[in-house]
PDB file of N, CA and C in Angstrom:
ATOM      1  N   LEU A   1       4.234   4.500   4.880  1.00  0.00           N
ATOM      2  CA  LEU A   1       4.464   3.193   4.305  1.00  0.00           C
ATOM      3  C   LEU A   1       5.932   2.943   4.006  1.00  0.00           C
ATOM      4  N   LYS A   2       6.647   3.984   3.674  1.00  0.00           N
ATOM      5  CA  LYS A   2       8.043   3.797   3.274  1.00  0.00           C
ATOM      6  C   LYS A   2       8.989   3.647   4.460  1.00  0.00           C
ATOM      7  N   SER A   3       8.586   4.063   5.662  1.00  0.00           N
ATOM      8  CA  SER A   3       9.509   4.051   6.795  1.00  0.00           C
ATOM      9  C   SER A   3       9.837   2.644   7.286  1.00  0.00           C
ATOM     10  N   ASN A   4       8.891   1.714   7.228  1.00  0.00           N
ATOM     11  CA  ASN A   4       9.131   0.356   7.693  1.00  0.00           C
ATOM     12  C   ASN A   4       8.230  -0.601   6.908  1.00  0.00           C
ATOM     13  N   PRO A   5       8.475  -0.754   5.634  1.00  0.00           N
ATOM     14  CA  PRO A   5       7.547  -1.495   4.779  1.00  0.00           C
ATOM     15  C   PRO A   5       7.445  -2.984   5.070  1.00  0.00           C
ATOM     16  N   SER A   6       8.463  -3.588   5.639  1.00  0.00           N
ATOM     17  CA  SER A   6       8.460  -5.037   5.798  1.00  0.00           C
ATOM     18  C   SER A   6       7.520  -5.523   6.896  1.00  0.00           C
ATOM     19  N   HIS A   7       7.095  -4.648   7.803  1.00  0.00           N
ATOM     20  CA  HIS A   7       6.244  -5.063   8.910  1.00  0.00           C
ATOM     21  C   HIS A   7       4.757  -4.870   8.641  1.00  0.00           C
ATOM     22  N   LEU A   8       4.400  -4.158   7.621  1.00  0.00           N
ATOM     23  CA  LEU A   8       3.008  -3.884   7.312  1.00  0.00           C
ATOM     24  C   LEU A   8       2.462  -4.968   6.392  1.00  0.00           C
ATOM     25  N   THR A   9       1.413  -5.674   6.855  1.00  0.00           N
ATOM     26  CA  THR A   9       0.821  -6.727   6.029  1.00  0.00           C
ATOM     27  C   THR A   9      -0.614  -6.419   5.627  1.00  0.00           C
ATOM     28  N   GLU A  10      -1.268  -5.480   6.320  1.00  0.00           N
ATOM     29  CA  GLU A  10      -2.653  -5.149   6.009  1.00  0.00           C
ATOM     30  C   GLU A  10      -2.853  -3.650   6.135  1.00  0.00           C
ATOM     31  N   LEU A  11      -3.588  -3.075   5.197  1.00  0.00           N
ATOM     32  CA  LEU A  11      -3.843  -1.641   5.192  1.00  0.00           C
ATOM     33  C   LEU A  11      -5.300  -1.406   4.816  1.00  0.00           C
ATOM     34  N   ASP A  12      -6.061  -0.795   5.738  1.00  0.00           N
ATOM     35  CA  ASP A  12      -7.479  -0.508   5.511  1.00  0.00           C
ATOM     36  C   ASP A  12      -7.627   0.956   5.126  1.00  0.00           C
ATOM     37  N   LEU A  13      -8.037   1.203   3.905  1.00  0.00           N
ATOM     38  CA  LEU A  13      -8.205   2.564   3.395  1.00  0.00           C
ATOM     39  C   LEU A  13      -9.673   2.891   3.144  1.00  0.00           C
ATOM     40  N   SER A  14     -10.570   2.162   3.780  1.00  0.00           N
ATOM     41  CA  SER A  14     -11.995   2.322   3.503  1.00  0.00           C
ATOM     42  C   SER A  14     -12.524   3.711   3.852  1.00  0.00           C
ATOM     43  N   GLY A  15     -11.911   4.422   4.768  1.00  0.00           N
ATOM     44  CA  GLY A  15     -12.370   5.754   5.149  1.00  0.00           C
ATOM     45  C   GLY A  15     -11.691   6.872   4.384  1.00  0.00           C
ATOM     46  N   ASN A  16     -10.933   6.527   3.358  1.00  0.00           N
ATOM     47  CA  ASN A  16     -10.173   7.519   2.603  1.00  0.00           C
ATOM     48  C   ASN A  16     -10.735   7.713   1.199  1.00  0.00           C
ATOM     49  N   SER A  17     -10.586   8.913   0.720  1.00  0.00           N
ATOM     50  CA  SER A  17     -10.975   9.219  -0.652  1.00  0.00           C
ATOM     51  C   SER A  17      -9.714   9.196  -1.507  1.00  0.00           C
ATOM     52  N   LEU A  18      -9.603   8.192  -2.360  1.00  0.00           N
ATOM     53  CA  LEU A  18      -8.406   8.028  -3.182  1.00  0.00           C
ATOM     54  C   LEU A  18      -8.714   8.370  -4.632  1.00  0.00           C
ATOM     55  N   ASN A  19      -7.763   9.009  -5.276  1.00  0.00           N
ATOM     56  CA  ASN A  19      -7.911   9.277  -6.704  1.00  0.00           C
ATOM     57  C   ASN A  19      -7.033   8.291  -7.480  1.00  0.00           C
ATOM     58  N   VAL A  20      -7.091   8.329  -8.769  1.00  0.00           N
ATOM     59  CA  VAL A  20      -6.379   7.361  -9.613  1.00  0.00           C
ATOM     60  C   VAL A  20      -4.869   7.356  -9.359  1.00  0.00           C
ATOM     61  N   PRO A  21      -4.197   8.509  -9.274  1.00  0.00           N
ATOM     62  CA  PRO A  21      -2.751   8.466  -9.000  1.00  0.00           C
ATOM     63  C   PRO A  21      -2.422   7.826  -7.644  1.00  0.00           C
ATOM     64  N   ASP A  22      -3.273   8.049  -6.636  1.00  0.00           N
ATOM     65  CA  ASP A  22      -3.049   7.426  -5.326  1.00  0.00           C
ATOM     66  C   ASP A  22      -3.120   5.908  -5.430  1.00  0.00           C
ATOM     67  N   VAL A  23      -4.130   5.415  -6.109  1.00  0.00           N
ATOM     68  CA  VAL A  23      -4.304   3.973  -6.264  1.00  0.00           C
ATOM     69  C   VAL A  23      -3.150   3.384  -7.070  1.00  0.00           C
ATOM     70  N   LYS A  24      -2.735   4.061  -8.115  1.00  0.00           N
ATOM     71  CA  LYS A  24      -1.611   3.584  -8.929  1.00  0.00           C
ATOM     72  C   LYS A  24      -0.340   3.486  -8.089  1.00  0.00           C
ATOM     73  N   HIS A  25      -0.103   4.478  -7.243  1.00  0.00           N
ATOM     74  CA  HIS A  25       1.077   4.453  -6.382  1.00  0.00           C
ATOM     75  C   HIS A  25       1.009   3.276  -5.403  1.00  0.00           C
ATOM     76  N   LEU A  26      -0.144   3.036  -4.815  1.00  0.00           N
ATOM     77  CA  LEU A  26      -0.297   1.911  -3.894  1.00  0.00           C
ATOM     78  C   LEU A  26      -0.086   0.577  -4.608  1.00  0.00           C
ATOM     79  N   LEU A  27      -0.598   0.452  -5.809  1.00  0.00           N
ATOM     80  CA  LEU A  27      -0.402  -0.785  -6.567  1.00  0.00           C
ATOM     81  C   LEU A  27       1.065  -0.989  -6.929  1.00  0.00           C
ATOM     82  N   ASP A  28       1.765   0.086  -7.224  1.00  0.00           N
ATOM     83  CA  ASP A  28       3.205  -0.007  -7.490  1.00  0.00           C
ATOM     84  C   ASP A  28       3.946  -0.496  -6.248  1.00  0.00           C
ATOM     85  N   LEU A  29       3.533  -0.017  -5.069  1.00  0.00           N
ATOM     86  CA  LEU A  29       4.160  -0.466  -3.823  1.00  0.00           C
ATOM     87  C   LEU A  29       3.911  -1.949  -3.589  1.00  0.00           C
ATOM     88  N   LEU A  30       2.716  -2.411  -3.915  1.00  0.00           N
ATOM     89  CA  LEU A  30       2.391  -3.826  -3.732  1.00  0.00           C
ATOM     90  C   LEU A  30       3.295  -4.726  -4.565  1.00  0.00           C
ATOM     91  N   GLU A  31       3.731  -4.246  -5.698  1.00  0.00           N
ATOM     92  CA  GLU A  31       4.587  -5.038  -6.584  1.00  0.00           C
ATOM     93  C   GLU A  31       6.048  -5.033  -6.157  1.00  0.00           C
ATOM     94  N   SER A  32       6.409  -4.160  -5.247  1.00  0.00           N
ATOM     95  CA  SER A  32       7.790  -4.062  -4.800  1.00  0.00           C
ATOM     96  C   SER A  32       8.146  -5.236  -3.884  1.00  0.00           C
ATOM     97  N   PRO A  33       9.317  -5.829  -4.052  1.00  0.00           N
ATOM     98  CA  PRO A  33       9.734  -6.934  -3.183  1.00  0.00           C
ATOM     99  C   PRO A  33      10.011  -6.500  -1.746  1.00  0.00           C
ATOM    100  N   ASP A  34      10.127  -5.208  -1.492  1.00  0.00           N
ATOM    101  CA  ASP A  34      10.387  -4.709  -0.142  1.00  0.00           C
ATOM    102  C   ASP A  34       9.138  -4.710   0.735  1.00  0.00           C
ATOM    103  N   TYR A  35       7.981  -4.889   0.132  1.00  0.00           N
ATOM    104  CA  TYR A  35       6.724  -4.799   0.864  1.00  0.00           C
ATOM    105  C   TYR A  35       6.083  -6.167   1.015  1.00  0.00           C
ATOM    106  N   ASN A  36       5.552  -6.421   2.209  1.00  0.00           N
ATOM    107  CA  ASN A  36       4.848  -7.668   2.488  1.00  0.00           C
ATOM    108  C   ASN A  36       3.346  -7.435   2.596  1.00  0.00           C
ATOM    109  N   LEU A  37       2.880  -6.334   2.071  1.00  0.00           N
ATOM    110  CA  LEU A  37       1.466  -5.999   2.150  1.00  0.00           C
ATOM    111  C   LEU A  37       0.652  -7.052   1.411  1.00  0.00           C
ATOM    112  N   GLN A  38      -0.267  -7.688   2.130  1.00  0.00           N
ATOM    113  CA  GLN A  38      -1.060  -8.765   1.559  1.00  0.00           C
ATOM    114  C   GLN A  38      -2.518  -8.365   1.370  1.00  0.00           C
ATOM    115  N   THR A  39      -3.011  -7.454   2.202  1.00  0.00           N
ATOM    116  CA  THR A  39      -4.414  -7.048   2.142  1.00  0.00           C
ATOM    117  C   THR A  39      -4.501  -5.548   2.051  1.00  0.00           C
ATOM    118  N   LEU A  40      -5.146  -5.080   1.009  1.00  0.00           N
ATOM    119  CA  LEU A  40      -5.319  -3.643   0.807  1.00  0.00           C
ATOM    120  C   LEU A  40      -6.789  -3.356   0.698  1.00  0.00           C
TER     121      LEU A  40
END
């Protein structure tokens, strides 16, 4: 996600097992102005 954040707009994590720290990190990325992620 960090290598080219401006081109990623959708990320499907339905097949992944995420724990609370993982989700918190993803939510922090969503709040960053460098990311255009619209659908998680």
